[in-house]
Amino acid sequence: MPVLHLLNHTPRGSESFARCLESMAEGDGLLLIEDAVYAALSGTPSAGELRAVAAARNRCFVLKSDLESRALSVRRLAEGFECVDFAGFVDLVAKYDASISWG
């Protein structure tokens, strides 16, 4: 049963980041929202951790409006991240069997 994990904190912001990554199974998806979008920036240690998640055949997404509200460009995302808008967010929720919010 594939799960969509929603993460809204940076790795430094809470323990949720590590717990979320530890709980992910093959085929799950990860959507970074709010301050968690910083974790997907190229060159950050957290981006490397997230690439490892993607290598396990999981998909990693970033909410575009949260990037833009922080004056960040899609071009700054590390390889392996897919940007989605609100319609894409809704599509992801419908695609996965369940979702978990890590707050």
PDB file of N, CA and C in Angstrom:
ATOM      1  N   MET A   1       0.840  -1.173   0.000  1.00  0.00           N
ATOM      2  CA  MET A   1       0.000   0.000   0.000  1.00  0.00           C
ATOM      3  C   MET A   1       0.892   1.246   0.000  1.00  0.00           C
ATOM      4  N   PRO A   2       1.056   1.903  -1.129  1.00  0.00           N
ATOM      5  CA  PRO A   2       1.910   3.084  -1.198  1.00  0.00           C
ATOM      6  C   PRO A   2       1.312   4.274  -0.444  1.00  0.00           C
ATOM      7  N   VAL A   3       2.194   4.977   0.260  1.00  0.00           N
ATOM      8  CA  VAL A   3       1.798   6.089   1.113  1.00  0.00           C
ATOM      9  C   VAL A   3       2.474   7.367   0.627  1.00  0.00           C
ATOM     10  N   LEU A   4       1.748   8.472   0.675  1.00  0.00           N
ATOM     11  CA  LEU A   4       2.316   9.782   0.408  1.00  0.00           C
ATOM     12  C   LEU A   4       2.647  10.420   1.748  1.00  0.00           C
ATOM     13  N   HIS A   5       3.929  10.721   1.947  1.00  0.00           N
ATOM     14  CA  HIS A   5       4.393  11.362   3.177  1.00  0.00           C
ATOM     15  C   HIS A   5       4.497  12.862   2.924  1.00  0.00           C
ATOM     16  N   LEU A   6       3.877  13.655   3.792  1.00  0.00           N
ATOM     17  CA  LEU A   6       3.909  15.112   3.694  1.00  0.00           C
ATOM     18  C   LEU A   6       4.790  15.642   4.812  1.00  0.00           C
ATOM     19  N   LEU A   7       5.842  16.344   4.430  1.00  0.00           N
ATOM     20  CA  LEU A   7       6.791  16.845   5.418  1.00  0.00           C
ATOM     21  C   LEU A   7       6.841  18.362   5.329  1.00  0.00           C
ATOM     22  N   ASN A   8       6.693  19.037   6.483  1.00  0.00           N
ATOM     23  CA  ASN A   8       6.662  20.496   6.453  1.00  0.00           C
ATOM     24  C   ASN A   8       7.768  21.163   7.264  1.00  0.00           C
ATOM     25  N   HIS A   9       8.726  20.409   7.807  1.00  0.00           N
ATOM     26  CA  HIS A   9       9.823  20.982   8.584  1.00  0.00           C
ATOM     27  C   HIS A   9      11.165  20.648   7.950  1.00  0.00           C
ATOM     28  N   THR A  10      12.122  21.532   8.126  1.00  0.00           N
ATOM     29  CA  THR A  10      13.485  21.252   7.694  1.00  0.00           C
ATOM     30  C   THR A  10      14.093  20.226   8.646  1.00  0.00           C
ATOM     31  N   PRO A  11      15.208  19.601   8.258  1.00  0.00           N
ATOM     32  CA  PRO A  11      15.848  18.642   9.167  1.00  0.00           C
ATOM     33  C   PRO A  11      16.215  19.259  10.511  1.00  0.00           C
ATOM     34  N   ARG A  12      16.592  20.530  10.511  1.00  0.00           N
ATOM     35  CA  ARG A  12      16.941  21.186  11.778  1.00  0.00           C
ATOM     36  C   ARG A  12      15.718  21.601  12.571  1.00  0.00           C
ATOM     37  N   GLY A  13      14.564  21.664  11.942  1.00  0.00           N
ATOM     38  CA  GLY A  13      13.357  22.157  12.588  1.00  0.00           C
ATOM     39  C   GLY A  13      12.687  21.172  13.529  1.00  0.00           C
ATOM     40  N   SER A  14      12.902  19.869  13.318  1.00  0.00           N
ATOM     41  CA  SER A  14      12.252  18.874  14.174  1.00  0.00           C
ATOM     42  C   SER A  14      12.823  17.494  13.876  1.00  0.00           C
ATOM     43  N   GLU A  15      12.402  16.544  14.679  1.00  0.00           N
ATOM     44  CA  GLU A  15      12.806  15.156  14.451  1.00  0.00           C
ATOM     45  C   GLU A  15      11.944  14.484  13.388  1.00  0.00           C
ATOM     46  N   SER A  16      10.936  15.166  12.931  1.00  0.00           N
ATOM     47  CA  SER A  16      10.012  14.592  11.953  1.00  0.00           C
ATOM     48  C   SER A  16      10.715  14.162  10.677  1.00  0.00           C
ATOM     49  N   PHE A  17      11.723  14.924  10.253  1.00  0.00           N
ATOM     50  CA  PHE A  17      12.442  14.627   9.017  1.00  0.00           C
ATOM     51  C   PHE A  17      13.025  13.215   9.070  1.00  0.00           C
ATOM     52  N   ALA A  18      13.780  12.910  10.114  1.00  0.00           N
ATOM     53  CA  ALA A  18      14.409  11.588  10.238  1.00  0.00           C
ATOM     54  C   ALA A  18      13.366  10.487  10.400  1.00  0.00           C
ATOM     55  N   ARG A  19      12.351  10.729  11.210  1.00  0.00           N
ATOM     56  CA  ARG A  19      11.314   9.708  11.413  1.00  0.00           C
ATOM     57  C   ARG A  19      10.560   9.427  10.116  1.00  0.00           C
ATOM     58  N   CYS A  20      10.307  10.469   9.349  1.00  0.00           N
ATOM     59  CA  CYS A  20       9.619  10.303   8.069  1.00  0.00           C
ATOM     60  C   CYS A  20      10.444   9.425   7.134  1.00  0.00           C
ATOM     61  N   LEU A  21      11.724   9.763   6.976  1.00  0.00           N
ATOM     62  CA  LEU A  21      12.572   8.987   6.065  1.00  0.00           C
ATOM     63  C   LEU A  21      12.707   7.538   6.508  1.00  0.00           C
ATOM     64  N   GLU A  22      12.816   7.316   7.806  1.00  0.00           N
ATOM     65  CA  GLU A  22      12.941   5.950   8.326  1.00  0.00           C
ATOM     66  C   GLU A  22      11.689   5.115   8.065  1.00  0.00           C
ATOM     67  N   SER A  23      10.546   5.759   8.032  1.00  0.00           N
ATOM     68  CA  SER A  23       9.298   5.012   7.889  1.00  0.00           C
ATOM     69  C   SER A  23       8.903   4.747   6.439  1.00  0.00           C
ATOM     70  N   MET A  24       9.605   5.356   5.490  1.00  0.00           N
ATOM     71  CA  MET A  24       9.219   5.205   4.089  1.00  0.00           C
ATOM     72  C   MET A  24       9.555   3.818   3.554  1.00  0.00           C
ATOM     73  N   ALA A  25       8.616   3.278   2.833  1.00  0.00           N
ATOM     74  CA  ALA A  25       8.796   1.973   2.186  1.00  0.00           C
ATOM     75  C   ALA A  25       8.929   2.184   0.681  1.00  0.00           C
ATOM     76  N   GLU A  26       9.431   1.179   0.002  1.00  0.00           N
ATOM     77  CA  GLU A  26       9.575   1.255  -1.450  1.00  0.00           C
ATOM     78  C   GLU A  26       8.222   1.555  -2.084  1.00  0.00           C
ATOM     79  N   GLY A  27       8.215   2.498  -3.006  1.00  0.00           N
ATOM     80  CA  GLY A  27       6.986   2.865  -3.691  1.00  0.00           C
ATOM     81  C   GLY A  27       6.242   4.034  -3.066  1.00  0.00           C
ATOM     82  N   ASP A  28       6.663   4.450  -1.877  1.00  0.00           N
ATOM     83  CA  ASP A  28       6.034   5.604  -1.236  1.00  0.00           C
ATOM     84  C   ASP A  28       6.464   6.884  -1.944  1.00  0.00           C
ATOM     85  N   GLY A  29       5.729   7.955  -1.702  1.00  0.00           N
ATOM     86  CA  GLY A  29       6.072   9.269  -2.219  1.00  0.00           C
ATOM     87  C   GLY A  29       6.325  10.226  -1.070  1.00  0.00           C
ATOM     88  N   LEU A  30       7.098  11.259  -1.341  1.00  0.00           N
ATOM     89  CA  LEU A  30       7.405  12.278  -0.342  1.00  0.00           C
ATOM     90  C   LEU A  30       7.136  13.642  -0.953  1.00  0.00           C
ATOM     91  N   LEU A  31       6.291  14.416  -0.300  1.00  0.00           N
ATOM     92  CA  LEU A  31       5.999  15.767  -0.747  1.00  0.00           C
ATOM     93  C   LEU A  31       6.488  16.750   0.310  1.00  0.00           C
ATOM     94  N   LEU A  32       7.432  17.605  -0.084  1.00  0.00           N
ATOM     95  CA  LEU A  32       7.951  18.635   0.806  1.00  0.00           C
ATOM     96  C   LEU A  32       7.114  19.890   0.655  1.00  0.00           C
ATOM     97  N   ILE A  33       6.612  20.383   1.780  1.00  0.00           N
ATOM     98  CA  ILE A  33       5.800  21.592   1.788  1.00  0.00           C
ATOM     99  C   ILE A  33       6.357  22.548   2.842  1.00  0.00           C
ATOM    100  N   GLU A  34       5.889  23.773   2.813  1.00  0.00           N
ATOM    101  CA  GLU A  34       6.271  24.809   3.767  1.00  0.00           C
ATOM    102  C   GLU A  34       7.798  24.880   3.880  1.00  0.00           C
ATOM    103  N   ASP A  35       8.357  24.912   5.101  1.00  0.00           N
ATOM    104  CA  ASP A  35       9.809  25.064   5.263  1.00  0.00           C
ATOM    105  C   ASP A  35      10.612  23.837   4.825  1.00  0.00           C
ATOM    106  N   ALA A  36       9.970  22.707   4.655  1.00  0.00           N
ATOM    107  CA  ALA A  36      10.688  21.508   4.213  1.00  0.00           C
ATOM    108  C   ALA A  36      11.252  21.664   2.806  1.00  0.00           C
ATOM    109  N   VAL A  37      10.748  22.623   2.023  1.00  0.00           N
ATOM    110  CA  VAL A  37      11.265  22.802   0.661  1.00  0.00           C
ATOM    111  C   VAL A  37      12.755  23.151   0.680  1.00  0.00           C
ATOM    112  N   TYR A  38      13.235  23.749   1.762  1.00  0.00           N
ATOM    113  CA  TYR A  38      14.664  24.064   1.860  1.00  0.00           C
ATOM    114  C   TYR A  38      15.528  22.797   1.793  1.00  0.00           C
ATOM    115  N   ALA A  39      14.992  21.679   2.241  1.00  0.00           N
ATOM    116  CA  ALA A  39      15.736  20.418   2.246  1.00  0.00           C
ATOM    117  C   ALA A  39      16.019  19.896   0.843  1.00  0.00           C
ATOM    118  N   ALA A  40      15.316  20.396  -0.147  1.00  0.00           N
ATOM    119  CA  ALA A  40      15.484  19.915  -1.525  1.00  0.00           C
ATOM    120  C   ALA A  40      16.449  20.765  -2.342  1.00  0.00           C
ATOM    121  N   LEU A  41      17.041  21.776  -1.725  1.00  0.00           N
ATOM    122  CA  LEU A  41      17.950  22.648  -2.478  1.00  0.00           C
ATOM    123  C   LEU A  41      19.268  21.951  -2.769  1.00  0.00           C
ATOM    124  N   SER A  42      19.732  22.115  -3.957  1.00  0.00           N
ATOM    125  CA  SER A  42      20.991  21.521  -4.388  1.00  0.00           C
ATOM    126  C   SER A  42      22.118  21.951  -3.462  1.00  0.00           C
ATOM    127  N   GLY A  43      22.959  21.008  -3.099  1.00  0.00           N
ATOM    128  CA  GLY A  43      24.121  21.300  -2.268  1.00  0.00           C
ATOM    129  C   GLY A  43      23.887  21.191  -0.777  1.00  0.00           C
ATOM    130  N   THR A  44      22.659  20.951  -0.353  1.00  0.00           N
ATOM    131  CA  THR A  44      22.401  20.810   1.079  1.00  0.00           C
ATOM    132  C   THR A  44      22.562  19.346   1.494  1.00  0.00           C
ATOM    133  N   PRO A  45      23.011  19.099   2.734  1.00  0.00           N
ATOM    134  CA  PRO A  45      23.138  17.704   3.186  1.00  0.00           C
ATOM    135  C   PRO A  45      21.819  16.945   3.122  1.00  0.00           C
ATOM    136  N   SER A  46      20.731  17.628   3.414  1.00  0.00           N
ATOM    137  CA  SER A  46      19.432  16.946   3.400  1.00  0.00           C
ATOM    138  C   SER A  46      19.037  16.511   1.998  1.00  0.00           C
ATOM    139  N   ALA A  47      19.456  17.257   0.982  1.00  0.00           N
ATOM    140  CA  ALA A  47      19.153  16.862  -0.395  1.00  0.00           C
ATOM    141  C   ALA A  47      19.799  15.522  -0.714  1.00  0.00           C
ATOM    142  N   GLY A  48      20.985  15.290  -0.185  1.00  0.00           N
ATOM    143  CA  GLY A  48      21.646  13.999  -0.373  1.00  0.00           C
ATOM    144  C   GLY A  48      20.870  12.867   0.276  1.00  0.00           C
ATOM    145  N   GLU A  49      20.373  13.108   1.476  1.00  0.00           N
ATOM    146  CA  GLU A  49      19.558  12.097   2.159  1.00  0.00           C
ATOM    147  C   GLU A  49      18.300  11.799   1.358  1.00  0.00           C
ATOM    148  N   LEU A  50      17.703  12.840   0.838  1.00  0.00           N
ATOM    149  CA  LEU A  50      16.476  12.664   0.065  1.00  0.00           C
ATOM    150  C   LEU A  50      16.737  11.977  -1.267  1.00  0.00           C
ATOM    151  N   ARG A  51      17.904  12.194  -1.856  1.00  0.00           N
ATOM    152  CA  ARG A  51      18.252  11.482  -3.101  1.00  0.00           C
ATOM    153  C   ARG A  51      18.343   9.987  -2.826  1.00  0.00           C
ATOM    154  N   ALA A  52      18.834   9.626  -1.653  1.00  0.00           N
ATOM    155  CA  ALA A  52      18.891   8.209  -1.286  1.00  0.00           C
ATOM    156  C   ALA A  52      17.486   7.627  -1.190  1.00  0.00           C
ATOM    157  N   VAL A  53      16.549   8.411  -0.702  1.00  0.00           N
ATOM    158  CA  VAL A  53      15.154   7.970  -0.650  1.00  0.00           C
ATOM    159  C   VAL A  53      14.636   7.747  -2.067  1.00  0.00           C
ATOM    160  N   ALA A  54      14.940   8.674  -2.959  1.00  0.00           N
ATOM    161  CA  ALA A  54      14.502   8.552  -4.349  1.00  0.00           C
ATOM    162  C   ALA A  54      15.138   7.339  -5.020  1.00  0.00           C
ATOM    163  N   ALA A  55      16.371   7.033  -4.660  1.00  0.00           N
ATOM    164  CA  ALA A  55      17.061   5.884  -5.253  1.00  0.00           C
ATOM    165  C   ALA A  55      16.390   4.569  -4.861  1.00  0.00           C
ATOM    166  N   ALA A  56      15.655   4.584  -3.772  1.00  0.00           N
ATOM    167  CA  ALA A  56      14.940   3.384  -3.327  1.00  0.00           C
ATOM    168  C   ALA A  56      13.585   3.263  -4.033  1.00  0.00           C
ATOM    169  N   ARG A  57      13.491   3.871  -5.189  1.00  0.00           N
ATOM    170  CA  ARG A  57      12.282   3.844  -6.023  1.00  0.00           C
ATOM    171  C   ARG A  57      11.099   4.531  -5.357  1.00  0.00           C
ATOM    172  N   ASN A  58      11.413   5.600  -4.665  1.00  0.00           N
ATOM    173  CA  ASN A  58      10.384   6.478  -4.131  1.00  0.00           C
ATOM    174  C   ASN A  58      10.442   7.765  -4.933  1.00  0.00           C
ATOM    175  N   ARG A  59       9.348   8.470  -4.985  1.00  0.00           N
ATOM    176  CA  ARG A  59       9.327   9.734  -5.723  1.00  0.00           C
ATOM    177  C   ARG A  59       9.304  10.877  -4.740  1.00  0.00           C
ATOM    178  N   CYS A  60      10.066  11.928  -5.055  1.00  0.00           N
ATOM    179  CA  CYS A  60      10.163  13.107  -4.199  1.00  0.00           C
ATOM    180  C   CYS A  60       9.599  14.321  -4.928  1.00  0.00           C
ATOM    181  N   PHE A  61       8.713  15.020  -4.260  1.00  0.00           N
ATOM    182  CA  PHE A  61       8.027  16.175  -4.835  1.00  0.00           C
ATOM    183  C   PHE A  61       8.219  17.393  -3.939  1.00  0.00           C
ATOM    184  N   VAL A  62       8.098  18.559  -4.541  1.00  0.00           N
ATOM    185  CA  VAL A  62       8.170  19.829  -3.820  1.00  0.00           C
ATOM    186  C   VAL A  62       6.991  20.675  -4.283  1.00  0.00           C
ATOM    187  N   LEU A  63       6.305  21.313  -3.333  1.00  0.00           N
ATOM    188  CA  LEU A  63       5.180  22.173  -3.681  1.00  0.00           C
ATOM    189  C   LEU A  63       5.707  23.515  -4.191  1.00  0.00           C
ATOM    190  N   LYS A  64       5.398  23.796  -5.444  1.00  0.00           N
ATOM    191  CA  LYS A  64       5.939  24.964  -6.135  1.00  0.00           C
ATOM    192  C   LYS A  64       5.593  26.278  -5.433  1.00  0.00           C
ATOM    193  N   SER A  65       4.376  26.416  -4.968  1.00  0.00           N
ATOM    194  CA  SER A  65       3.986  27.680  -4.327  1.00  0.00           C
ATOM    195  C   SER A  65       4.784  27.944  -3.054  1.00  0.00           C
ATOM    196  N   ASP A  66       5.181  26.881  -2.351  1.00  0.00           N
ATOM    197  CA  ASP A  66       5.999  27.078  -1.151  1.00  0.00           C
ATOM    198  C   ASP A  66       7.431  27.464  -1.512  1.00  0.00           C
ATOM    199  N   LEU A  67       7.935  26.945  -2.623  1.00  0.00           N
ATOM    200  CA  LEU A  67       9.244  27.409  -3.119  1.00  0.00           C
ATOM    201  C   LEU A  67       9.182  28.895  -3.448  1.00  0.00           C
ATOM    202  N   GLU A  68       8.176  29.252  -4.221  1.00  0.00           N
ATOM    203  CA  GLU A  68       8.051  30.633  -4.683  1.00  0.00           C
ATOM    204  C   GLU A  68       7.814  31.614  -3.538  1.00  0.00           C
ATOM    205  N   SER A  69       7.060  31.208  -2.527  1.00  0.00           N
ATOM    206  CA  SER A  69       6.793  32.116  -1.408  1.00  0.00           C
ATOM    207  C   SER A  69       8.045  32.374  -0.571  1.00  0.00           C
ATOM    208  N   ARG A  70       9.061  31.541  -0.762  1.00  0.00           N
ATOM    209  CA  ARG A  70      10.346  31.721  -0.081  1.00  0.00           C
ATOM    210  C   ARG A  70      11.404  32.280  -1.036  1.00  0.00           C
ATOM    211  N   ALA A  71      10.956  32.797  -2.163  1.00  0.00           N
ATOM    212  CA  ALA A  71      11.822  33.396  -3.194  1.00  0.00           C
ATOM    213  C   ALA A  71      12.880  32.414  -3.690  1.00  0.00           C
ATOM    214  N   LEU A  72      12.490  31.144  -3.799  1.00  0.00           N
ATOM    215  CA  LEU A  72      13.383  30.107  -4.315  1.00  0.00           C
ATOM    216  C   LEU A  72      12.938  29.709  -5.710  1.00  0.00           C
ATOM    217  N   SER A  73      13.901  29.356  -6.528  1.00  0.00           N
ATOM    218  CA  SER A  73      13.635  28.967  -7.903  1.00  0.00           C
ATOM    219  C   SER A  73      13.665  27.448  -8.043  1.00  0.00           C
ATOM    220  N   VAL A  74      12.864  26.952  -8.946  1.00  0.00           N
ATOM    221  CA  VAL A  74      12.866  25.523  -9.266  1.00  0.00           C
ATOM    222  C   VAL A  74      14.271  25.090  -9.715  1.00  0.00           C
ATOM    223  N   ARG A  75      15.004  25.986 -10.334  1.00  0.00           N
ATOM    224  CA  ARG A  75      16.365  25.666 -10.804  1.00  0.00           C
ATOM    225  C   ARG A  75      17.315  25.338  -9.660  1.00  0.00           C
ATOM    226  N   ARG A  76      16.981  25.735  -8.439  1.00  0.00           N
ATOM    227  CA  ARG A  76      17.843  25.468  -7.285  1.00  0.00           C
ATOM    228  C   ARG A  76      17.612  24.096  -6.675  1.00  0.00           C
ATOM    229  N   LEU A  77      16.599  23.369  -7.174  1.00  0.00           N
ATOM    230  CA  LEU A  77      16.309  22.050  -6.631  1.00  0.00           C
ATOM    231  C   LEU A  77      17.392  21.052  -7.021  1.00  0.00           C
ATOM    232  N   ALA A  78      17.698  20.157  -6.107  1.00  0.00           N
ATOM    233  CA  ALA A  78      18.631  19.072  -6.390  1.00  0.00           C
ATOM    234  C   ALA A  78      17.983  18.117  -7.400  1.00  0.00           C
ATOM    235  N   GLU A  79      18.821  17.374  -8.063  1.00  0.00           N
ATOM    236  CA  GLU A  79      18.342  16.400  -9.040  1.00  0.00           C
ATOM    237  C   GLU A  79      17.444  15.375  -8.361  1.00  0.00           C
ATOM    238  N   GLY A  80      16.379  15.006  -9.052  1.00  0.00           N
ATOM    239  CA  GLY A  80      15.489  13.974  -8.548  1.00  0.00           C
ATOM    240  C   GLY A  80      14.213  14.488  -7.917  1.00  0.00           C
ATOM    241  N   PHE A  81      14.071  15.803  -7.823  1.00  0.00           N
ATOM    242  CA  PHE A  81      12.869  16.381  -7.245  1.00  0.00           C
ATOM    243  C   PHE A  81      11.950  16.886  -8.347  1.00  0.00           C
ATOM    244  N   GLU A  82      10.679  16.628  -8.162  1.00  0.00           N
ATOM    245  CA  GLU A  82       9.678  17.079  -9.119  1.00  0.00           C
ATOM    246  C   GLU A  82       8.810  18.136  -8.455  1.00  0.00           C
ATOM    247  N   CYS A  83       8.633  19.249  -9.131  1.00  0.00           N
ATOM    248  CA  CYS A  83       7.821  20.347  -8.619  1.00  0.00           C
ATOM    249  C   CYS A  83       6.359  20.124  -9.008  1.00  0.00           C
ATOM    250  N   VAL A  84       5.453  20.329  -8.060  1.00  0.00           N
ATOM    251  CA  VAL A  84       4.028  20.194  -8.354  1.00  0.00           C
ATOM    252  C   VAL A  84       3.290  21.445  -7.877  1.00  0.00           C
ATOM    253  N   ASP A  85       2.211  21.760  -8.573  1.00  0.00           N
ATOM    254  CA  ASP A  85       1.346  22.856  -8.155  1.00  0.00           C
ATOM    255  C   ASP A  85       0.225  22.266  -7.288  1.00  0.00           C
ATOM    256  N   PHE A  86      -0.764  23.104  -6.927  1.00  0.00           N
ATOM    257  CA  PHE A  86      -1.839  22.601  -6.067  1.00  0.00           C
ATOM    258  C   PHE A  86      -2.638  21.489  -6.733  1.00  0.00           C
ATOM    259  N   ALA A  87      -2.865  21.587  -8.035  1.00  0.00           N
ATOM    260  CA  ALA A  87      -3.579  20.518  -8.734  1.00  0.00           C
ATOM    261  C   ALA A  87      -2.771  19.222  -8.685  1.00  0.00           C
ATOM    262  N   GLY A  88      -1.451  19.340  -8.819  1.00  0.00           N
ATOM    263  CA  GLY A  88      -0.583  18.176  -8.701  1.00  0.00           C
ATOM    264  C   GLY A  88      -0.610  17.583  -7.307  1.00  0.00           C
ATOM    265  N   PHE A  89      -0.710  18.440  -6.302  1.00  0.00           N
ATOM    266  CA  PHE A  89      -0.837  17.998  -4.909  1.00  0.00           C
ATOM    267  C   PHE A  89      -2.092  17.135  -4.764  1.00  0.00           C
ATOM    268  N   VAL A  90      -3.186  17.611  -5.278  1.00  0.00           N
ATOM    269  CA  VAL A  90      -4.448  16.869  -5.206  1.00  0.00           C
ATOM    270  C   VAL A  90      -4.320  15.539  -5.951  1.00  0.00           C
ATOM    271  N   ASP A  91      -3.687  15.554  -7.112  1.00  0.00           N
ATOM    272  CA  ASP A  91      -3.479  14.322  -7.872  1.00  0.00           C
ATOM    273  C   ASP A  91      -2.657  13.307  -7.069  1.00  0.00           C
ATOM    274  N   LEU A  92      -1.633  13.796  -6.367  1.00  0.00           N
ATOM    275  CA  LEU A  92      -0.806  12.896  -5.551  1.00  0.00           C
ATOM    276  C   LEU A  92      -1.623  12.259  -4.430  1.00  0.00           C
ATOM    277  N   VAL A  93      -2.422  13.056  -3.753  1.00  0.00           N
ATOM    278  CA  VAL A  93      -3.251  12.528  -2.667  1.00  0.00           C
ATOM    279  C   VAL A  93      -4.198  11.450  -3.202  1.00  0.00           C
ATOM    280  N   ALA A  94      -4.735  11.663  -4.388  1.00  0.00           N
ATOM    281  CA  ALA A  94      -5.640  10.682  -4.987  1.00  0.00           C
ATOM    282  C   ALA A  94      -4.892   9.429  -5.465  1.00  0.00           C
ATOM    283  N   LYS A  95      -3.648   9.588  -5.880  1.00  0.00           N
ATOM    284  CA  LYS A  95      -2.864   8.474  -6.433  1.00  0.00           C
ATOM    285  C   LYS A  95      -2.438   7.473  -5.364  1.00  0.00           C
ATOM    286  N   TYR A  96      -2.043   7.980  -4.192  1.00  0.00           N
ATOM    287  CA  TYR A  96      -1.540   7.100  -3.135  1.00  0.00           C
ATOM    288  C   TYR A  96      -2.704   6.588  -2.287  1.00  0.00           C
ATOM    289  N   ASP A  97      -2.509   5.396  -1.726  1.00  0.00           N
ATOM    290  CA  ASP A  97      -3.566   4.761  -0.931  1.00  0.00           C
ATOM    291  C   ASP A  97      -3.833   5.487   0.380  1.00  0.00           C
ATOM    292  N   ALA A  98      -2.808   6.131   0.923  1.00  0.00           N
ATOM    293  CA  ALA A  98      -2.939   6.838   2.207  1.00  0.00           C
ATOM    294  C   ALA A  98      -1.930   7.973   2.225  1.00  0.00           C
ATOM    295  N   SER A  99      -2.109   8.879   3.162  1.00  0.00           N
ATOM    296  CA  SER A  99      -1.139   9.949   3.338  1.00  0.00           C
ATOM    297  C   SER A  99      -0.871  10.141   4.825  1.00  0.00           C
ATOM    298  N   ILE A 100       0.349  10.551   5.117  1.00  0.00           N
ATOM    299  CA  ILE A 100       0.770  10.807   6.501  1.00  0.00           C
ATOM    300  C   ILE A 100       1.409  12.192   6.522  1.00  0.00           C
ATOM    301  N   SER A 101       0.952  13.034   7.436  1.00  0.00           N
ATOM    302  CA  SER A 101       1.550  14.357   7.619  1.00  0.00           C
ATOM    303  C   SER A 101       2.507  14.286   8.801  1.00  0.00           C
ATOM    304  N   TRP A 102       3.740  14.709   8.556  1.00  0.00           N
ATOM    305  CA  TRP A 102       4.771  14.734   9.581  1.00  0.00           C
ATOM    306  C   TRP A 102       4.953  16.185  10.029  1.00  0.00           C
ATOM    307  N   GLY A 103       4.529  16.493  11.224  1.00  0.00           N
ATOM    308  CA  GLY A 103       4.578  17.869  11.679  1.00  0.00           C
ATOM    309  C   GLY A 103       5.398  18.131  12.865  1.00  0.00           C
TER     310      GLY A 103
END
